[in-house]
PDB file of N, CA and C in Angstrom:
ATOM      1  N   MET A   1      21.944  11.753 -14.771  1.00  0.00           N
ATOM      2  CA  MET A   1      20.888  12.329 -14.132  1.00  0.00           C
ATOM      3  C   MET A   1      19.883  11.124 -13.764  1.00  0.00           C
ATOM      4  N   VAL A   2      19.137  10.999 -12.474  1.00  0.00           N
ATOM      5  CA  VAL A   2      18.057  10.265 -12.453  1.00  0.00           C
ATOM      6  C   VAL A   2      17.055  10.164 -12.511  1.00  0.00           C
ATOM      7  N   SER A   3      15.900   9.625 -13.345  1.00  0.00           N
ATOM      8  CA  SER A   3      14.578   9.865 -13.409  1.00  0.00           C
ATOM      9  C   SER A   3      13.696   9.147 -12.734  1.00  0.00           C
ATOM     10  N   CYS A   4      13.235   9.319 -11.591  1.00  0.00           N
ATOM     11  CA  CYS A   4      12.177   8.183 -11.193  1.00  0.00           C
ATOM     12  C   CYS A   4      10.908   8.425 -11.616  1.00  0.00           C
ATOM     13  N   LEU A   5      10.456   7.304 -11.948  1.00  0.00           N
ATOM     14  CA  LEU A   5       8.769   7.412 -12.130  1.00  0.00           C
ATOM     15  C   LEU A   5       8.015   6.782 -11.550  1.00  0.00           C
ATOM     16  N   SER A   6       7.157   7.184 -10.732  1.00  0.00           N
ATOM     17  CA  SER A   6       6.020   6.048 -10.075  1.00  0.00           C
ATOM     18  C   SER A   6       4.875   5.572 -10.628  1.00  0.00           C
ATOM     19  N   VAL A   7       5.174   4.351 -11.057  1.00  0.00           N
ATOM     20  CA  VAL A   7       4.231   3.832 -12.029  1.00  0.00           C
ATOM     21  C   VAL A   7       2.913   2.890 -11.232  1.00  0.00           C
ATOM     22  N   LEU A   8       3.013   2.643 -10.176  1.00  0.00           N
ATOM     23  CA  LEU A   8       1.737   2.278  -9.612  1.00  0.00           C
ATOM     24  C   LEU A   8       1.589   2.304  -8.013  1.00  0.00           C
ATOM     25  N   SER A   9       0.340   3.249  -7.863  1.00  0.00           N
ATOM     26  CA  SER A   9      -0.054   3.191  -6.445  1.00  0.00           C
ATOM     27  C   SER A   9      -1.164   2.915  -6.556  1.00  0.00           C
ATOM     28  N   LEU A  10      -1.599   2.147  -5.458  1.00  0.00           N
ATOM     29  CA  LEU A  10      -2.798   1.453  -5.745  1.00  0.00           C
ATOM     30  C   LEU A  10      -3.568   1.062  -4.435  1.00  0.00           C
ATOM     31  N   SER A  11      -4.577   1.666  -4.053  1.00  0.00           N
ATOM     32  CA  SER A  11      -5.146   1.077  -2.525  1.00  0.00           C
ATOM     33  C   SER A  11      -6.200   0.263  -2.675  1.00  0.00           C
ATOM     34  N   LEU A  12      -6.145  -1.086  -2.055  1.00  0.00           N
ATOM     35  CA  LEU A  12      -7.048  -2.002  -2.620  1.00  0.00           C
ATOM     36  C   LEU A  12      -8.194  -1.579  -1.756  1.00  0.00           C
ATOM     37  N   PHE A  13      -8.076  -1.166  -0.571  1.00  0.00           N
ATOM     38  CA  PHE A  13      -9.212  -0.940   0.261  1.00  0.00           C
ATOM     39  C   PHE A  13      -9.438   0.641   0.593  1.00  0.00           C
ATOM     40  N   ALA A  14     -10.425   1.060   0.079  1.00  0.00           N
ATOM     41  CA  ALA A  14     -11.064   2.498   0.861  1.00  0.00           C
ATOM     42  C   ALA A  14     -11.703   2.385   2.426  1.00  0.00           C
ATOM     43  N   GLN A  15     -11.820   3.582   2.748  1.00  0.00           N
ATOM     44  CA  GLN A  15     -11.936   3.975   4.300  1.00  0.00           C
ATOM     45  C   GLN A  15     -13.302   4.324   4.423  1.00  0.00           C
ATOM     46  N   HIS A  16     -14.437   3.816   3.732  1.00  0.00           N
ATOM     47  CA  HIS A  16     -15.801   4.360   3.494  1.00  0.00           C
ATOM     48  C   HIS A  16     -16.298   3.163   4.038  1.00  0.00           C
ATOM     49  N   ALA A  17     -17.485   3.815   5.108  1.00  0.00           N
ATOM     50  CA  ALA A  17     -18.367   2.516   5.622  1.00  0.00           C
ATOM     51  C   ALA A  17     -19.699   2.776   4.670  1.00  0.00           C
ATOM     52  N   GLN A  18     -19.868   2.098   3.643  1.00  0.00           N
ATOM     53  CA  GLN A  18     -20.559   1.708   2.642  1.00  0.00           C
ATOM     54  C   GLN A  18     -20.721   0.248   2.373  1.00  0.00           C
ATOM     55  N   ALA A  19     -21.662  -0.181   2.686  1.00  0.00           N
ATOM     56  CA  ALA A  19     -21.818  -1.808   2.274  1.00  0.00           C
ATOM     57  C   ALA A  19     -22.134  -2.099   0.934  1.00  0.00           C
ATOM     58  N   ALA A  20     -21.595  -2.914   0.324  1.00  0.00           N
ATOM     59  CA  ALA A  20     -21.439  -3.689  -1.216  1.00  0.00           C
ATOM     60  C   ALA A  20     -21.792  -4.933  -1.048  1.00  0.00           C
ATOM     61  N   SER A  21     -22.026  -5.907  -2.099  1.00  0.00           N
ATOM     62  CA  SER A  21     -22.875  -7.081  -1.808  1.00  0.00           C
ATOM     63  C   SER A  21     -21.626  -8.203  -2.084  1.00  0.00           C
ATOM     64  N   SER A  22     -20.509  -7.905  -3.167  1.00  0.00           N
ATOM     65  CA  SER A  22     -19.481  -8.967  -3.358  1.00  0.00           C
ATOM     66  C   SER A  22     -18.248  -8.188  -3.804  1.00  0.00           C
ATOM     67  N   ALA A  23     -17.271  -9.255  -3.884  1.00  0.00           N
ATOM     68  CA  ALA A  23     -15.947  -8.866  -4.853  1.00  0.00           C
ATOM     69  C   ALA A  23     -15.883  -8.040  -5.828  1.00  0.00           C
ATOM     70  N   PHE A  24     -15.282  -6.906  -6.062  1.00  0.00           N
ATOM     71  CA  PHE A  24     -15.427  -6.364  -7.263  1.00  0.00           C
ATOM     72  C   PHE A  24     -16.406  -5.506  -8.100  1.00  0.00           C
ATOM     73  N   ASP A  25     -17.237  -5.271  -6.885  1.00  0.00           N
ATOM     74  CA  ASP A  25     -18.615  -4.727  -7.187  1.00  0.00           C
ATOM     75  C   ASP A  25     -18.130  -3.240  -7.604  1.00  0.00           C
ATOM     76  N   PRO A  26     -18.377  -3.065  -8.817  1.00  0.00           N
ATOM     77  CA  PRO A  26     -18.146  -1.495  -8.865  1.00  0.00           C
ATOM     78  C   PRO A  26     -18.789  -0.383  -7.623  1.00  0.00           C
ATOM     79  N   ASN A  27     -19.608  -0.678  -7.072  1.00  0.00           N
ATOM     80  CA  ASN A  27     -20.499   0.321  -5.998  1.00  0.00           C
ATOM     81  C   ASN A  27     -19.765   0.298  -4.912  1.00  0.00           C
ATOM     82  N   SER A  28     -18.780  -0.659  -4.547  1.00  0.00           N
ATOM     83  CA  SER A  28     -18.303  -1.277  -3.131  1.00  0.00           C
ATOM     84  C   SER A  28     -17.108  -0.255  -3.286  1.00  0.00           C
ATOM     85  N   PRO A  29     -16.600   0.452  -1.789  1.00  0.00           N
ATOM     86  CA  PRO A  29     -15.468   1.117  -1.966  1.00  0.00           C
ATOM     87  C   PRO A  29     -14.235   0.310  -1.541  1.00  0.00           C
ATOM     88  N   TRP A  30     -14.508  -0.950  -1.430  1.00  0.00           N
ATOM     89  CA  TRP A  30     -13.389  -2.084  -1.149  1.00  0.00           C
ATOM     90  C   TRP A  30     -13.208  -2.788  -2.248  1.00  0.00           C
ATOM     91  N   LEU A  31     -12.147  -3.324  -2.568  1.00  0.00           N
ATOM     92  CA  LEU A  31     -11.853  -3.930  -3.830  1.00  0.00           C
ATOM     93  C   LEU A  31     -12.690  -5.661  -3.563  1.00  0.00           C
ATOM     94  N   PHE A  32     -12.432  -5.859  -2.121  1.00  0.00           N
ATOM     95  CA  PHE A  32     -12.896  -7.596  -1.949  1.00  0.00           C
ATOM     96  C   PHE A  32     -14.337  -7.501  -1.130  1.00  0.00           C
ATOM     97  N   GLY A  33     -15.040  -6.577  -1.775  1.00  0.00           N
ATOM     98  CA  GLY A  33     -16.456  -6.379  -1.209  1.00  0.00           C
ATOM     99  C   GLY A  33     -16.039  -6.433   0.488  1.00  0.00           C
ATOM    100  N   ASP A  34     -18.093  -6.634   0.768  1.00  0.00           N
ATOM    101  CA  ASP A  34     -18.176  -6.271   2.185  1.00  0.00           C
ATOM    102  C   ASP A  34     -18.318  -7.461   3.151  1.00  0.00           C
ATOM    103  N   TRP A  35     -18.162  -8.644   2.572  1.00  0.00           N
ATOM    104  CA  TRP A  35     -18.129  -9.853   3.212  1.00  0.00           C
ATOM    105  C   TRP A  35     -19.312 -10.201   3.950  1.00  0.00           C
ATOM    106  N   ASN A  36     -20.172  -9.844   2.824  1.00  0.00           N
ATOM    107  CA  ASN A  36     -21.676 -10.261   3.606  1.00  0.00           C
ATOM    108  C   ASN A  36     -22.297  -9.306   4.641  1.00  0.00           C
ATOM    109  N   GLY A  37     -21.304  -8.248   4.537  1.00  0.00           N
ATOM    110  CA  GLY A  37     -22.086  -7.300   5.828  1.00  0.00           C
ATOM    111  C   GLY A  37     -21.168  -7.511   6.790  1.00  0.00           C
ATOM    112  N   GLN A  38     -19.838  -8.428   6.938  1.00  0.00           N
ATOM    113  CA  GLN A  38     -19.311  -8.798   8.368  1.00  0.00           C
ATOM    114  C   GLN A  38     -18.315  -7.342   8.672  1.00  0.00           C
ATOM    115  N   ARG A  39     -17.866  -6.724   7.315  1.00  0.00           N
ATOM    116  CA  ARG A  39     -16.666  -5.920   6.964  1.00  0.00           C
ATOM    117  C   ARG A  39     -17.539  -4.838   7.655  1.00  0.00           C
ATOM    118  N   THR A  40     -18.768  -3.930   7.231  1.00  0.00           N
ATOM    119  CA  THR A  40     -19.368  -3.126   7.765  1.00  0.00           C
ATOM    120  C   THR A  40     -19.360  -3.516   9.373  1.00  0.00           C
ATOM    121  N   ALA A  41     -20.013  -4.394   9.865  1.00  0.00           N
ATOM    122  CA  ALA A  41     -20.136  -4.606  11.301  1.00  0.00           C
ATOM    123  C   ALA A  41     -18.692  -4.532  12.051  1.00  0.00           C
ATOM    124  N   LEU A  42     -17.703  -5.054  11.575  1.00  0.00           N
ATOM    125  CA  LEU A  42     -16.481  -5.041  12.230  1.00  0.00           C
ATOM    126  C   LEU A  42     -16.381  -3.483  12.294  1.00  0.00           C
ATOM    127  N   GLN A  43     -16.300  -2.832  11.077  1.00  0.00           N
ATOM    128  CA  GLN A  43     -15.926  -1.221  11.176  1.00  0.00           C
ATOM    129  C   GLN A  43     -16.676  -0.613  12.396  1.00  0.00           C
ATOM    130  N   GLU A  44     -17.853  -0.817  12.463  1.00  0.00           N
ATOM    131  CA  GLU A  44     -18.718  -0.470  13.352  1.00  0.00           C
ATOM    132  C   GLU A  44     -18.386  -0.623  14.720  1.00  0.00           C
ATOM    133  N   GLN A  45     -17.910  -1.623  15.100  1.00  0.00           N
ATOM    134  CA  GLN A  45     -17.286  -2.264  16.130  1.00  0.00           C
ATOM    135  C   GLN A  45     -15.859  -1.570  16.548  1.00  0.00           C
ATOM    136  N   GLY A  46     -15.412  -0.957  15.631  1.00  0.00           N
ATOM    137  CA  GLY A  46     -13.855  -0.557  15.949  1.00  0.00           C
ATOM    138  C   GLY A  46     -12.774  -1.049  14.935  1.00  0.00           C
ATOM    139  N   TYR A  47     -13.086  -2.154  14.187  1.00  0.00           N
ATOM    140  CA  TYR A  47     -12.254  -2.838  13.507  1.00  0.00           C
ATOM    141  C   TYR A  47     -11.973  -2.567  12.060  1.00  0.00           C
ATOM    142  N   LYS A  48     -10.853  -1.618  11.330  1.00  0.00           N
ATOM    143  CA  LYS A  48     -10.574  -1.305  10.372  1.00  0.00           C
ATOM    144  C   LYS A  48      -9.492  -2.229   9.612  1.00  0.00           C
ATOM    145  N   PHE A  49      -9.911  -2.767   8.594  1.00  0.00           N
ATOM    146  CA  PHE A  49      -8.968  -3.348   7.546  1.00  0.00           C
ATOM    147  C   PHE A  49      -7.953  -2.920   6.559  1.00  0.00           C
ATOM    148  N   SER A  50      -6.898  -3.161   6.020  1.00  0.00           N
ATOM    149  CA  SER A  50      -6.434  -2.335   4.968  1.00  0.00           C
ATOM    150  C   SER A  50      -5.068  -3.297   4.334  1.00  0.00           C
ATOM    151  N   ALA A  51      -5.015  -2.891   3.050  1.00  0.00           N
ATOM    152  CA  ALA A  51      -3.800  -4.054   2.286  1.00  0.00           C
ATOM    153  C   ALA A  51      -3.581  -2.805   0.995  1.00  0.00           C
ATOM    154  N   ASP A  52      -2.548  -2.319   0.917  1.00  0.00           N
ATOM    155  CA  ASP A  52      -1.802  -1.489  -0.242  1.00  0.00           C
ATOM    156  C   ASP A  52      -0.920  -1.935  -0.838  1.00  0.00           C
ATOM    157  N   TYR A  53      -0.548  -1.803  -2.218  1.00  0.00           N
ATOM    158  CA  TYR A  53       0.684  -1.823  -2.682  1.00  0.00           C
ATOM    159  C   TYR A  53       1.154  -1.013  -3.536  1.00  0.00           C
ATOM    160  N   THR A  54       2.496  -0.335  -3.557  1.00  0.00           N
ATOM    161  CA  THR A  54       3.111   0.343  -4.186  1.00  0.00           C
ATOM    162  C   THR A  54       4.146  -0.049  -5.282  1.00  0.00           C
ATOM    163  N   GLY A  55       4.143   0.144  -5.838  1.00  0.00           N
ATOM    164  CA  GLY A  55       5.584   0.121  -7.121  1.00  0.00           C
ATOM    165  C   GLY A  55       6.226   1.143  -7.836  1.00  0.00           C
ATOM    166  N   GLU A  56       7.105   1.187  -7.981  1.00  0.00           N
ATOM    167  CA  GLU A  56       7.894   2.215  -8.583  1.00  0.00           C
ATOM    168  C   GLU A  56       9.023   1.673  -9.102  1.00  0.00           C
ATOM    169  N   PHE A  57       9.259   2.380 -10.647  1.00  0.00           N
ATOM    170  CA  PHE A  57      10.326   2.098 -11.571  1.00  0.00           C
ATOM    171  C   PHE A  57      11.433   3.364 -11.315  1.00  0.00           C
ATOM    172  N   ALA A  58      12.729   2.615 -11.616  1.00  0.00           N
ATOM    173  CA  ALA A  58      13.917   4.083 -11.710  1.00  0.00           C
ATOM    174  C   ALA A  58      14.188   3.541 -13.055  1.00  0.00           C
ATOM    175  N   GLY A  59      15.221   4.656 -13.378  1.00  0.00           N
ATOM    176  CA  GLY A  59      15.849   4.119 -14.629  1.00  0.00           C
ATOM    177  C   GLY A  59      17.166   5.549 -14.572  1.00  0.00           C
ATOM    178  N   VAL A  60      18.332   5.068 -15.159  1.00  0.00           N
ATOM    179  CA  VAL A  60      18.842   5.880 -15.612  1.00  0.00           C
ATOM    180  C   VAL A  60      18.637   6.183 -17.055  1.00  0.00           C
ATOM    181  N   LEU A  61      18.396   7.558 -17.188  1.00  0.00           N
ATOM    182  CA  LEU A  61      18.062   8.332 -18.641  1.00  0.00           C
ATOM    183  C   LEU A  61      19.598   9.186 -19.510  1.00  0.00           C
ATOM    184  N   ASP A  62      20.034   9.532 -18.618  1.00  0.00           N
ATOM    185  CA  ASP A  62      21.385  10.434 -19.000  1.00  0.00           C
ATOM    186  C   ASP A  62      22.530  10.393 -18.040  1.00  0.00           C
ATOM    187  N   SER A  63      23.432   9.597 -18.767  1.00  0.00           N
ATOM    188  CA  SER A  63      24.983   9.195 -17.832  1.00  0.00           C
ATOM    189  C   SER A  63      25.600   9.594 -18.782  1.00  0.00           C
ATOM    190  N   LYS A  64      26.811  10.459 -17.977  1.00  0.00           N
ATOM    191  CA  LYS A  64      27.971  10.588 -18.496  1.00  0.00           C
ATOM    192  C   LYS A  64      29.119   9.526 -18.700  1.00  0.00           C
ATOM    193  N   GLN A  65      28.546   8.488 -17.845  1.00  0.00           N
ATOM    194  CA  GLN A  65      29.547   7.077 -17.730  1.00  0.00           C
ATOM    195  C   GLN A  65      28.501   6.105 -18.229  1.00  0.00           C
ATOM    196  N   HIS A  66      28.850   5.009 -18.867  1.00  0.00           N
ATOM    197  CA  HIS A  66      28.553   3.898 -19.327  1.00  0.00           C
ATOM    198  C   HIS A  66      27.604   3.334 -18.182  1.00  0.00           C
ATOM    199  N   SER A  67      26.623   2.924 -18.208  1.00  0.00           N
ATOM    200  CA  SER A  67      25.708   2.052 -16.910  1.00  0.00           C
ATOM    201  C   SER A  67      25.309   0.524 -17.603  1.00  0.00           C
ATOM    202  N   SER A  68      26.046  -0.504 -16.597  1.00  0.00           N
ATOM    203  CA  SER A  68      25.775  -1.821 -16.788  1.00  0.00           C
ATOM    204  C   SER A  68      24.320  -1.845 -16.760  1.00  0.00           C
ATOM    205  N   HIS A  69      23.563  -1.466 -15.624  1.00  0.00           N
ATOM    206  CA  HIS A  69      22.596  -1.877 -15.356  1.00  0.00           C
ATOM    207  C   HIS A  69      21.562  -0.114 -15.282  1.00  0.00           C
ATOM    208  N   GLY A  70      20.485  -0.241 -15.992  1.00  0.00           N
ATOM    209  CA  GLY A  70      19.964   1.140 -16.070  1.00  0.00           C
ATOM    210  C   GLY A  70      18.541   1.054 -15.580  1.00  0.00           C
ATOM    211  N   SER A  71      18.305   0.330 -15.194  1.00  0.00           N
ATOM    212  CA  SER A  71      16.485   0.451 -14.514  1.00  0.00           C
ATOM    213  C   SER A  71      16.516  -0.736 -13.290  1.00  0.00           C
ATOM    214  N   GLU A  72      15.304  -0.268 -12.261  1.00  0.00           N
ATOM    215  CA  GLU A  72      15.341  -1.130 -11.406  1.00  0.00           C
ATOM    216  C   GLU A  72      13.832  -1.099 -10.950  1.00  0.00           C
ATOM    217  N   PHE A  73      12.969  -1.795 -10.652  1.00  0.00           N
ATOM    218  CA  PHE A  73      11.727  -2.257  -9.948  1.00  0.00           C
ATOM    219  C   PHE A  73      11.770  -2.588  -8.466  1.00  0.00           C
ATOM    220  N   THR A  74      10.961  -1.793  -7.642  1.00  0.00           N
ATOM    221  CA  THR A  74      10.731  -2.208  -6.378  1.00  0.00           C
ATOM    222  C   THR A  74       9.140  -1.694  -6.055  1.00  0.00           C
ATOM    223  N   GLY A  75       9.136  -2.915  -4.852  1.00  0.00           N
ATOM    224  CA  GLY A  75       7.806  -2.541  -4.312  1.00  0.00           C
ATOM    225  C   GLY A  75       7.718  -2.941  -2.987  1.00  0.00           C
ATOM    226  N   GLN A  76       6.379  -2.630  -2.410  1.00  0.00           N
ATOM    227  CA  GLN A  76       6.069  -2.341  -1.385  1.00  0.00           C
ATOM    228  C   GLN A  76       4.453  -3.124  -0.798  1.00  0.00           C
ATOM    229  N   LEU A  77       4.140  -3.978  -0.253  1.00  0.00           N
ATOM    230  CA  LEU A  77       2.834  -4.394  -0.120  1.00  0.00           C
ATOM    231  C   LEU A  77       2.798  -4.309   1.940  1.00  0.00           C
ATOM    232  N   ALA A  78       1.521  -3.776   2.050  1.00  0.00           N
ATOM    233  CA  ALA A  78       1.531  -3.465   3.455  1.00  0.00           C
ATOM    234  C   ALA A  78      -0.306  -3.776   3.781  1.00  0.00           C
ATOM    235  N   LEU A  79       0.156  -4.863   4.814  1.00  0.00           N
ATOM    236  CA  LEU A  79      -1.630  -5.533   5.489  1.00  0.00           C
ATOM    237  C   LEU A  79      -1.869  -4.667   6.479  1.00  0.00           C
ATOM    238  N   GLY A  80      -2.812  -3.950   7.132  1.00  0.00           N
ATOM    239  CA  GLY A  80      -3.132  -3.582   8.600  1.00  0.00           C
ATOM    240  C   GLY A  80      -4.378  -3.761   8.710  1.00  0.00           C
ATOM    241  N   THR A  81      -4.361  -3.179  10.135  1.00  0.00           N
ATOM    242  CA  THR A  81      -5.673  -3.294  11.046  1.00  0.00           C
ATOM    243  C   THR A  81      -5.507  -2.055  11.960  1.00  0.00           C
ATOM    244  N   HIS A  82      -6.579  -1.514  11.835  1.00  0.00           N
ATOM    245  CA  HIS A  82      -6.665  -0.262  12.734  1.00  0.00           C
ATOM    246  C   HIS A  82      -7.846  -0.366  13.832  1.00  0.00           C
ATOM    247  N   PHE A  83      -7.421  -0.294  14.992  1.00  0.00           N
ATOM    248  CA  PHE A  83      -8.587  -0.504  16.222  1.00  0.00           C
ATOM    249  C   PHE A  83      -8.760   0.654  17.044  1.00  0.00           C
ATOM    250  N   ASP A  84     -10.112   0.831  16.800  1.00  0.00           N
ATOM    251  CA  ASP A  84     -10.722   1.962  17.809  1.00  0.00           C
ATOM    252  C   ASP A  84     -10.859   1.704  19.187  1.00  0.00           C
ATOM    253  N   LEU A  85     -10.211   2.074  20.277  1.00  0.00           N
ATOM    254  CA  LEU A  85     -10.354   1.232  21.669  1.00  0.00           C
ATOM    255  C   LEU A  85     -11.224   2.040  22.183  1.00  0.00           C
ATOM    256  N   ASN A  86     -11.816   2.981  21.785  1.00  0.00           N
ATOM    257  CA  ASN A  86     -12.744   3.533  22.418  1.00  0.00           C
ATOM    258  C   ASN A  86     -13.949   2.961  22.504  1.00  0.00           C
ATOM    259  N   LYS A  87     -14.079   2.143  21.006  1.00  0.00           N
ATOM    260  CA  LYS A  87     -15.600   1.263  20.832  1.00  0.00           C
ATOM    261  C   LYS A  87     -15.483  -0.056  21.431  1.00  0.00           C
ATOM    262  N   ILE A  88     -13.996  -0.471  21.318  1.00  0.00           N
ATOM    263  CA  ILE A  88     -13.714  -1.901  21.536  1.00  0.00           C
ATOM    264  C   ILE A  88     -13.460  -2.159  22.986  1.00  0.00           C
ATOM    265  N   LEU A  89     -13.147  -1.340  24.081  1.00  0.00           N
ATOM    266  CA  LEU A  89     -12.774  -1.717  25.129  1.00  0.00           C
ATOM    267  C   LEU A  89     -13.232  -0.183  26.294  1.00  0.00           C
ATOM    268  N   GLY A  90     -13.896   0.818  25.314  1.00  0.00           N
ATOM    269  CA  GLY A  90     -14.121   2.221  26.263  1.00  0.00           C
ATOM    270  C   GLY A  90     -13.312   2.956  26.534  1.00  0.00           C
ATOM    271  N   TRP A  91     -11.838   2.783  26.160  1.00  0.00           N
ATOM    272  CA  TRP A  91     -11.115   3.503  26.305  1.00  0.00           C
ATOM    273  C   TRP A  91     -11.224   5.066  25.563  1.00  0.00           C
ATOM    274  N   GLN A  92     -11.022   5.771  26.262  1.00  0.00           N
ATOM    275  CA  GLN A  92     -11.641   7.296  25.821  1.00  0.00           C
ATOM    276  C   GLN A  92     -10.062   7.592  24.784  1.00  0.00           C
ATOM    277  N   ASP A  93     -10.600   8.230  23.533  1.00  0.00           N
ATOM    278  CA  ASP A  93      -9.363   8.843  22.896  1.00  0.00           C
ATOM    279  C   ASP A  93      -8.228   8.011  22.323  1.00  0.00           C
ATOM    280  N   THR A  94      -8.403   6.991  22.350  1.00  0.00           N
ATOM    281  CA  THR A  94      -7.405   5.736  22.215  1.00  0.00           C
ATOM    282  C   THR A  94      -7.421   4.780  20.862  1.00  0.00           C
ATOM    283  N   GLU A  95      -6.560   4.791  20.098  1.00  0.00           N
ATOM    284  CA  GLU A  95      -6.477   3.960  19.019  1.00  0.00           C
ATOM    285  C   GLU A  95      -5.168   3.168  18.820  1.00  0.00           C
ATOM    286  N   ALA A  96      -4.834   1.980  17.867  1.00  0.00           N
ATOM    287  CA  ALA A  96      -3.791   1.716  17.899  1.00  0.00           C
ATOM    288  C   ALA A  96      -3.921   0.642  16.354  1.00  0.00           C
ATOM    289  N   GLN A  97      -2.644   0.898  15.870  1.00  0.00           N
ATOM    290  CA  GLN A  97      -2.572   0.487  14.527  1.00  0.00           C
ATOM    291  C   GLN A  97      -1.780  -0.761  14.468  1.00  0.00           C
ATOM    292  N   ILE A  98      -1.659  -1.823  13.859  1.00  0.00           N
ATOM    293  CA  ILE A  98      -0.736  -2.399  13.358  1.00  0.00           C
ATOM    294  C   ILE A  98      -0.546  -2.806  11.991  1.00  0.00           C
ATOM    295  N   THR A  99       0.825  -2.542  11.433  1.00  0.00           N
ATOM    296  CA  THR A  99       0.864  -2.806  10.136  1.00  0.00           C
ATOM    297  C   THR A  99       2.036  -3.599   9.660  1.00  0.00           C
ATOM    298  N   VAL A 100       1.696  -4.614   8.952  1.00  0.00           N
ATOM    299  CA  VAL A 100       3.116  -5.715   8.412  1.00  0.00           C
ATOM    300  C   VAL A 100       2.985  -5.234   7.137  1.00  0.00           C
ATOM    301  N   THR A 101       4.647  -4.693   6.612  1.00  0.00           N
ATOM    302  CA  THR A 101       5.054  -4.406   5.648  1.00  0.00           C
ATOM    303  C   THR A 101       6.092  -5.366   5.261  1.00  0.00           C
ATOM    304  N   TYR A 102       6.206  -5.346   3.417  1.00  0.00           N
ATOM    305  CA  TYR A 102       6.769  -6.715   2.777  1.00  0.00           C
ATOM    306  C   TYR A 102       7.624  -5.714   1.631  1.00  0.00           C
ATOM    307  N   ARG A 103       8.735  -5.516   1.619  1.00  0.00           N
ATOM    308  CA  ARG A 103       9.601  -4.804   0.638  1.00  0.00           C
ATOM    309  C   ARG A 103      10.381  -5.636  -0.472  1.00  0.00           C
ATOM    310  N   ASP A 104      10.152  -5.429  -1.572  1.00  0.00           N
ATOM    311  CA  ASP A 104      11.192  -6.355  -2.215  1.00  0.00           C
ATOM    312  C   ASP A 104      11.740  -5.115  -3.655  1.00  0.00           C
ATOM    313  N   GLY A 105      13.024  -6.016  -4.032  1.00  0.00           N
ATOM    314  CA  GLY A 105      13.109  -5.076  -5.222  1.00  0.00           C
ATOM    315  C   GLY A 105      14.994  -4.471  -4.851  1.00  0.00           C
ATOM    316  N   GLN A 106      15.380  -3.643  -5.751  1.00  0.00           N
ATOM    317  CA  GLN A 106      16.847  -2.879  -5.696  1.00  0.00           C
ATOM    318  C   GLN A 106      16.519  -1.546  -5.677  1.00  0.00           C
ATOM    319  N   SER A 107      17.494  -0.856  -5.229  1.00  0.00           N
ATOM    320  CA  SER A 107      17.962   0.292  -5.344  1.00  0.00           C
ATOM    321  C   SER A 107      18.858   0.802  -6.383  1.00  0.00           C
ATOM    322  N   LEU A 108      18.417   1.557  -7.401  1.00  0.00           N
ATOM    323  CA  LEU A 108      19.374   1.853  -8.686  1.00  0.00           C
ATOM    324  C   LEU A 108      20.505   2.523  -8.353  1.00  0.00           C
ATOM    325  N   SER A 109      20.634   3.321  -7.205  1.00  0.00           N
ATOM    326  CA  SER A 109      21.953   4.107  -6.770  1.00  0.00           C
ATOM    327  C   SER A 109      22.961   2.763  -6.313  1.00  0.00           C
ATOM    328  N   GLN A 110      22.269   1.555  -5.920  1.00  0.00           N
ATOM    329  CA  GLN A 110      23.302   0.438  -5.787  1.00  0.00           C
ATOM    330  C   GLN A 110      23.579  -0.481  -7.069  1.00  0.00           C
ATOM    331  N   THR A 111      22.825  -0.145  -8.044  1.00  0.00           N
ATOM    332  CA  THR A 111      23.347  -1.450  -9.319  1.00  0.00           C
ATOM    333  C   THR A 111      23.755  -0.391 -10.269  1.00  0.00           C
ATOM    334  N   ALA A 112      23.624   0.483 -10.454  1.00  0.00           N
ATOM    335  CA  ALA A 112      24.139   1.385 -11.991  1.00  0.00           C
ATOM    336  C   ALA A 112      25.241   2.056 -11.576  1.00  0.00           C
ATOM    337  N   ASP A 113      26.050   1.345 -12.490  1.00  0.00           N
ATOM    338  CA  ASP A 113      27.427   1.941 -12.954  1.00  0.00           C
ATOM    339  C   ASP A 113      27.597   3.663 -12.570  1.00  0.00           C
ATOM    340  N   GLY A 114      26.634   4.228 -13.450  1.00  0.00           N
ATOM    341  CA  GLY A 114      26.622   5.596 -13.603  1.00  0.00           C
ATOM    342  C   GLY A 114      26.064   6.314 -12.191  1.00  0.00           C
ATOM    343  N   LEU A 115      26.013   5.941 -10.890  1.00  0.00           N
ATOM    344  CA  LEU A 115      25.558   6.458 -10.002  1.00  0.00           C
ATOM    345  C   LEU A 115      26.565   6.607  -8.881  1.00  0.00           C
ATOM    346  N   GLN A 116      27.696   5.516  -9.253  1.00  0.00           N
ATOM    347  CA  GLN A 116      28.516   5.342  -8.199  1.00  0.00           C
ATOM    348  C   GLN A 116      29.131   6.309  -8.028  1.00  0.00           C
ATOM    349  N   GLY A 117      29.638   6.460  -6.756  1.00  0.00           N
ATOM    350  CA  GLY A 117      30.576   7.902  -6.570  1.00  0.00           C
ATOM    351  C   GLY A 117      30.042   9.057  -6.863  1.00  0.00           C
TER     352      GLY A 117
END
């Protein structure tokens, strides 16, 4: 039996339009602040930025077979930009999004002997 536990799911940037003065401001919807008002100004012009990190831990908790490797951690970092093309270019009902994703880690089903076959 494999039990997967989600350890970390963290969204670094919220999608609210509220100004805050500096990075790590507890009243800011963004972890890195409002960039001296530039972030809010860009959002009003149709540009939104995001960064997300998700990490997962998986382990073999009960196995009839001995497993030489019983746990793995994997993570994913995603950086993105959302464009409101109605605000930017005047194109009605048109949006675009670009997201770059980096994934790292191992699949437990590939490394645990107890899960083979």
